[in-house]
Amino acid sequence: MLCLSACGYRFAGDESLPGGVRKICIPLFENRTGEIGLETGFADDLMNQFRRNSSVVLTGRESADAVLVGKIESLNTDTVSRRGAHSAFERQVRISAGFELKSIDGKVIWSVKGISSSESYPVVSDTLATEQFRQNAIAKISKKIAELAYQYFASDF
């Protein structure tokens, strides 16, 4: 897995996680859905949450004390409302993800599963526009899941 380097910004103080973890790597997410390309945006959004809110340093795997692994577990799209019997007016996409913080030797330090969020988007006659609305909804979900994951993480430490 490719680890993405991140800036080393830290808040004042010398805080660390259990086991003396001070530096973590957040690699691209594992994507268990059929939707191509989700793994990069989700990892980026989670890294942004840590940059804004945490004293933990984000780094590459080679200098990390632990790795925060994200898994996009599912993506489902359902019709919310219809124009007629065979035509959707609005759809909703729901994504679920899980996370594990693992020490370098592979021991799980922290985990959470089933963090999910959903977002509705309009269905219009222009297929490309509908797809853009769908992608925008997925981007919003990614940010929400990153916020929720960070909140769970921060509340446990």
C-alpha atoms as a PDB file:
ATOM      1  CA  MET A   1       0.000   0.000   0.000  1.00  0.00           C
ATOM      2  CA  LEU A   2       1.202   3.421  -0.859  1.00  0.00           C
ATOM      3  CA  CYS A   3       1.611   5.790   2.093  1.00  0.00           C
ATOM      4  CA  LEU A   4       0.947   9.410   1.405  1.00  0.00           C
ATOM      5  CA  SER A   5       3.300  11.862   3.016  1.00  0.00           C
ATOM      6  CA  ALA A   6       1.721  14.734   4.858  1.00  0.00           C
ATOM      7  CA  CYS A   7       2.871  17.858   6.558  1.00  0.00           C
ATOM      8  CA  GLY A   8       4.265  17.539  10.059  1.00  0.00           C
ATOM      9  CA  TYR A   9       2.202  20.292  11.690  1.00  0.00           C
ATOM     10  CA  ARG A  10       1.625  19.769  15.403  1.00  0.00           C
ATOM     11  CA  PHE A  11      -0.227  21.640  18.094  1.00  0.00           C
ATOM     12  CA  ALA A  12       1.712  22.800  21.133  1.00  0.00           C
ATOM     13  CA  GLY A  13       2.494  20.088  23.644  1.00  0.00           C
ATOM     14  CA  ASP A  14       3.957  16.642  23.410  1.00  0.00           C
ATOM     15  CA  GLU A  15       0.904  14.431  23.230  1.00  0.00           C
ATOM     16  CA  SER A  16       1.017  10.845  22.024  1.00  0.00           C
ATOM     17  CA  LEU A  17      -1.366   7.940  21.631  1.00  0.00           C
ATOM     18  CA  PRO A  18      -1.195   4.681  23.597  1.00  0.00           C
ATOM     19  CA  GLY A  19       2.097   2.870  23.166  1.00  0.00           C
ATOM     20  CA  GLY A  20       3.923   6.148  22.573  1.00  0.00           C
ATOM     21  CA  VAL A  21       2.484   6.574  19.069  1.00  0.00           C
ATOM     22  CA  ARG A  22       3.257  10.092  17.867  1.00  0.00           C
ATOM     23  CA  LYS A  23       3.540   9.639  14.099  1.00  0.00           C
ATOM     24  CA  ILE A  24       1.012   7.840  11.921  1.00  0.00           C
ATOM     25  CA  CYS A  25       0.751   6.943   8.271  1.00  0.00           C
ATOM     26  CA  ILE A  26      -2.615   7.077   6.502  1.00  0.00           C
ATOM     27  CA  PRO A  27      -2.324   5.017   3.294  1.00  0.00           C
ATOM     28  CA  LEU A  28      -4.858   4.927   0.475  1.00  0.00           C
ATOM     29  CA  PHE A  29      -8.061   3.307   1.674  1.00  0.00           C
ATOM     30  CA  GLU A  30      -8.942  -0.241   0.765  1.00  0.00           C
ATOM     31  CA  ASN A  31     -11.926   0.000  -1.578  1.00  0.00           C
ATOM     32  CA  ARG A  32     -14.302  -2.963  -1.339  1.00  0.00           C
ATOM     33  CA  THR A  33     -16.877  -1.369  -3.647  1.00  0.00           C
ATOM     34  CA  GLY A  34     -17.161  -1.386  -7.411  1.00  0.00           C
ATOM     35  CA  GLU A  35     -16.706   2.400  -7.500  1.00  0.00           C
ATOM     36  CA  ILE A  36     -13.289   3.221  -8.923  1.00  0.00           C
ATOM     37  CA  GLY A  37     -11.181   5.973  -7.355  1.00  0.00           C
ATOM     38  CA  LEU A  38     -12.811   6.416  -3.943  1.00  0.00           C
ATOM     39  CA  GLU A  39      -9.676   5.442  -2.021  1.00  0.00           C
ATOM     40  CA  THR A  40      -7.686   8.625  -2.720  1.00  0.00           C
ATOM     41  CA  GLY A  41     -10.375  11.173  -1.817  1.00  0.00           C
ATOM     42  CA  PHE A  42     -11.310   9.335   1.373  1.00  0.00           C
ATOM     43  CA  ALA A  43      -7.666   9.122   2.520  1.00  0.00           C
ATOM     44  CA  ASP A  44      -7.121  12.808   1.694  1.00  0.00           C
ATOM     45  CA  ASP A  45     -10.193  13.869   3.686  1.00  0.00           C
ATOM     46  CA  LEU A  46      -9.097  11.838   6.718  1.00  0.00           C
ATOM     47  CA  MET A  47      -5.575  13.294   6.539  1.00  0.00           C
ATOM     48  CA  ASN A  48      -7.080  16.784   6.411  1.00  0.00           C
ATOM     49  CA  GLN A  49      -9.032  16.062   9.605  1.00  0.00           C
ATOM     50  CA  PHE A  50      -5.825  15.038  11.369  1.00  0.00           C
ATOM     51  CA  ARG A  51      -3.936  18.064  10.051  1.00  0.00           C
ATOM     52  CA  ARG A  52      -6.609  20.443  11.354  1.00  0.00           C
ATOM     53  CA  ASN A  53      -7.405  18.810  14.662  1.00  0.00           C
ATOM     54  CA  SER A  54      -4.641  16.566  15.943  1.00  0.00           C
ATOM     55  CA  SER A  55      -1.226  16.805  17.534  1.00  0.00           C
ATOM     56  CA  VAL A  56      -0.263  13.520  15.869  1.00  0.00           C
ATOM     57  CA  VAL A  57       2.246  13.902  13.027  1.00  0.00           C
ATOM     58  CA  LEU A  58       1.284  12.435   9.641  1.00  0.00           C
ATOM     59  CA  THR A  59       4.205  10.794   7.914  1.00  0.00           C
ATOM     60  CA  GLY A  60       5.195   8.041   5.506  1.00  0.00           C
ATOM     61  CA  ARG A  61       5.188   4.384   6.577  1.00  0.00           C
ATOM     62  CA  GLU A  62       8.984   4.301   6.944  1.00  0.00           C
ATOM     63  CA  SER A  63       8.988   6.751   9.870  1.00  0.00           C
ATOM     64  CA  ALA A  64       5.517   6.044  11.330  1.00  0.00           C
ATOM     65  CA  ASP A  65       4.850   4.546  14.761  1.00  0.00           C
ATOM     66  CA  ALA A  66       1.477   3.231  13.539  1.00  0.00           C
ATOM     67  CA  VAL A  67      -0.681   2.987  10.420  1.00  0.00           C
ATOM     68  CA  LEU A  68      -4.314   4.141  10.276  1.00  0.00           C
ATOM     69  CA  VAL A  69      -5.974   1.875   7.716  1.00  0.00           C
ATOM     70  CA  GLY A  70      -9.331   2.832   6.210  1.00  0.00           C
ATOM     71  CA  LYS A  71     -11.662   0.450   4.384  1.00  0.00           C
ATOM     72  CA  ILE A  72     -14.578   1.581   2.266  1.00  0.00           C
ATOM     73  CA  GLU A  73     -16.895  -1.301   3.042  1.00  0.00           C
ATOM     74  CA  SER A  74     -19.959  -0.556   0.903  1.00  0.00           C
ATOM     75  CA  LEU A  75     -21.581   1.915  -1.458  1.00  0.00           C
ATOM     76  CA  ASN A  76     -25.292   1.695  -2.190  1.00  0.00           C
ATOM     77  CA  THR A  77     -27.483   3.883  -4.357  1.00  0.00           C
ATOM     78  CA  ASP A  78     -31.256   3.909  -3.940  1.00  0.00           C
ATOM     79  CA  THR A  79     -34.088   5.896  -5.480  1.00  0.00           C
ATOM     80  CA  VAL A  80     -35.585   8.337  -2.977  1.00  0.00           C
ATOM     81  CA  SER A  81     -38.385   9.777  -5.105  1.00  0.00           C
ATOM     82  CA  ARG A  82     -39.800   9.192  -8.578  1.00  0.00           C
ATOM     83  CA  ARG A  83     -41.188  11.284 -11.423  1.00  0.00           C
ATOM     84  CA  GLY A  84     -43.146   8.323 -12.721  1.00  0.00           C
ATOM     85  CA  ALA A  85     -43.173   4.545 -12.572  1.00  0.00           C
ATOM     86  CA  HIS A  86     -39.829   4.235 -14.385  1.00  0.00           C
ATOM     87  CA  SER A  87     -38.112   7.559 -13.800  1.00  0.00           C
ATOM     88  CA  ALA A  88     -36.195   8.638 -10.687  1.00  0.00           C
ATOM     89  CA  PHE A  89     -36.419  12.226  -9.466  1.00  0.00           C
ATOM     90  CA  GLU A  90     -33.899  11.898  -6.630  1.00  0.00           C
ATOM     91  CA  ARG A  91     -31.430   9.232  -5.527  1.00  0.00           C
ATOM     92  CA  GLN A  92     -29.439   8.698  -2.389  1.00  0.00           C
ATOM     93  CA  VAL A  93     -25.942   7.263  -2.104  1.00  0.00           C
ATOM     94  CA  ARG A  94     -24.855   5.664   1.196  1.00  0.00           C
ATOM     95  CA  ILE A  95     -21.271   4.713   1.996  1.00  0.00           C
ATOM     96  CA  SER A  96     -19.971   2.738   4.960  1.00  0.00           C
ATOM     97  CA  ALA A  97     -16.351   2.554   6.127  1.00  0.00           C
ATOM     98  CA  GLY A  98     -14.219   1.095   8.892  1.00  0.00           C
ATOM     99  CA  PHE A  99     -10.861   2.024  10.401  1.00  0.00           C
ATOM    100  CA  GLU A 100      -8.012   0.339  12.263  1.00  0.00           C
ATOM    101  CA  LEU A 101      -4.963   1.903  13.873  1.00  0.00           C
ATOM    102  CA  LYS A 102      -2.214  -0.725  13.756  1.00  0.00           C
ATOM    103  CA  SER A 103       1.215  -0.647  15.314  1.00  0.00           C
ATOM    104  CA  ILE A 104       4.123  -1.247  12.953  1.00  0.00           C
ATOM    105  CA  ASP A 105       4.175  -4.916  14.049  1.00  0.00           C
ATOM    106  CA  GLY A 106       0.495  -5.256  12.992  1.00  0.00           C
ATOM    107  CA  LYS A 107      -1.174  -5.181  16.420  1.00  0.00           C
ATOM    108  CA  VAL A 108      -4.564  -3.415  16.344  1.00  0.00           C
ATOM    109  CA  ILE A 109      -4.481  -0.456  18.748  1.00  0.00           C
ATOM    110  CA  TRP A 110      -7.910   0.972  17.890  1.00  0.00           C
ATOM    111  CA  SER A 111     -10.720   0.167  15.473  1.00  0.00           C
ATOM    112  CA  VAL A 112     -14.205   1.219  14.489  1.00  0.00           C
ATOM    113  CA  LYS A 113     -16.526  -0.310  11.888  1.00  0.00           C
ATOM    114  CA  GLY A 114     -19.738   0.717  10.226  1.00  0.00           C
ATOM    115  CA  ILE A 115     -19.281   4.469  10.069  1.00  0.00           C
ATOM    116  CA  SER A 116     -21.738   5.508   7.381  1.00  0.00           C
ATOM    117  CA  SER A 117     -23.238   8.561   5.829  1.00  0.00           C
ATOM    118  CA  SER A 118     -25.642   9.271   3.000  1.00  0.00           C
ATOM    119  CA  GLU A 119     -26.391  12.129   0.668  1.00  0.00           C
ATOM    120  CA  SER A 120     -29.207  12.703  -1.823  1.00  0.00           C
ATOM    121  CA  TYR A 121     -28.748  14.088  -5.304  1.00  0.00           C
ATOM    122  CA  PRO A 122     -31.111  15.057  -8.129  1.00  0.00           C
ATOM    123  CA  VAL A 123     -31.614  12.975 -11.242  1.00  0.00           C
ATOM    124  CA  VAL A 124     -31.923  15.165 -14.335  1.00  0.00           C
ATOM    125  CA  SER A 125     -32.350  14.447 -18.039  1.00  0.00           C
ATOM    126  CA  ASP A 126     -28.651  15.159 -18.677  1.00  0.00           C
ATOM    127  CA  THR A 127     -26.810  11.953 -17.701  1.00  0.00           C
ATOM    128  CA  LEU A 128     -23.466  13.754 -17.289  1.00  0.00           C
ATOM    129  CA  ALA A 129     -25.032  16.325 -14.976  1.00  0.00           C
ATOM    130  CA  THR A 130     -26.640  13.567 -12.899  1.00  0.00           C
ATOM    131  CA  GLU A 131     -23.273  11.822 -12.607  1.00  0.00           C
ATOM    132  CA  GLN A 132     -21.672  15.085 -11.485  1.00  0.00           C
ATOM    133  CA  PHE A 133     -24.367  15.474  -8.808  1.00  0.00           C
ATOM    134  CA  ARG A 134     -23.620  11.902  -7.713  1.00  0.00           C
ATOM    135  CA  GLN A 135     -19.869  12.572  -7.517  1.00  0.00           C
ATOM    136  CA  ASN A 136     -20.531  15.732  -5.491  1.00  0.00           C
ATOM    137  CA  ALA A 137     -22.671  13.682  -3.094  1.00  0.00           C
ATOM    138  CA  ILE A 138     -19.865  11.123  -2.726  1.00  0.00           C
ATOM    139  CA  ALA A 139     -17.371  13.927  -1.998  1.00  0.00           C
ATOM    140  CA  LYS A 140     -19.663  15.260   0.762  1.00  0.00           C
ATOM    141  CA  ILE A 141     -19.983  11.771   2.235  1.00  0.00           C
ATOM    142  CA  SER A 142     -16.210  11.369   2.218  1.00  0.00           C
ATOM    143  CA  LYS A 143     -15.807  14.551   4.267  1.00  0.00           C
ATOM    144  CA  LYS A 144     -18.581  13.493   6.690  1.00  0.00           C
ATOM    145  CA  ILE A 145     -17.078  10.045   7.215  1.00  0.00           C
ATOM    146  CA  ALA A 146     -13.634  11.573   7.800  1.00  0.00           C
ATOM    147  CA  GLU A 147     -15.134  13.930  10.417  1.00  0.00           C
ATOM    148  CA  LEU A 148     -16.991  11.077  12.129  1.00  0.00           C
ATOM    149  CA  ALA A 149     -13.945   8.799  12.100  1.00  0.00           C
ATOM    150  CA  TYR A 150     -11.793  11.529  13.603  1.00  0.00           C
ATOM    151  CA  GLN A 151     -14.435  12.232  16.281  1.00  0.00           C
ATOM    152  CA  TYR A 152     -14.512   8.531  17.251  1.00  0.00           C
ATOM    153  CA  PHE A 153     -10.719   8.443  17.254  1.00  0.00           C
ATOM    154  CA  ALA A 154     -10.354  11.605  19.333  1.00  0.00           C
ATOM    155  CA  SER A 155     -12.989  10.528  21.858  1.00  0.00           C
ATOM    156  CA  ASP A 156     -11.155   7.228  22.469  1.00  0.00           C
ATOM    157  CA  PHE A 157      -7.816   8.947  23.066  1.00  0.00           C
END
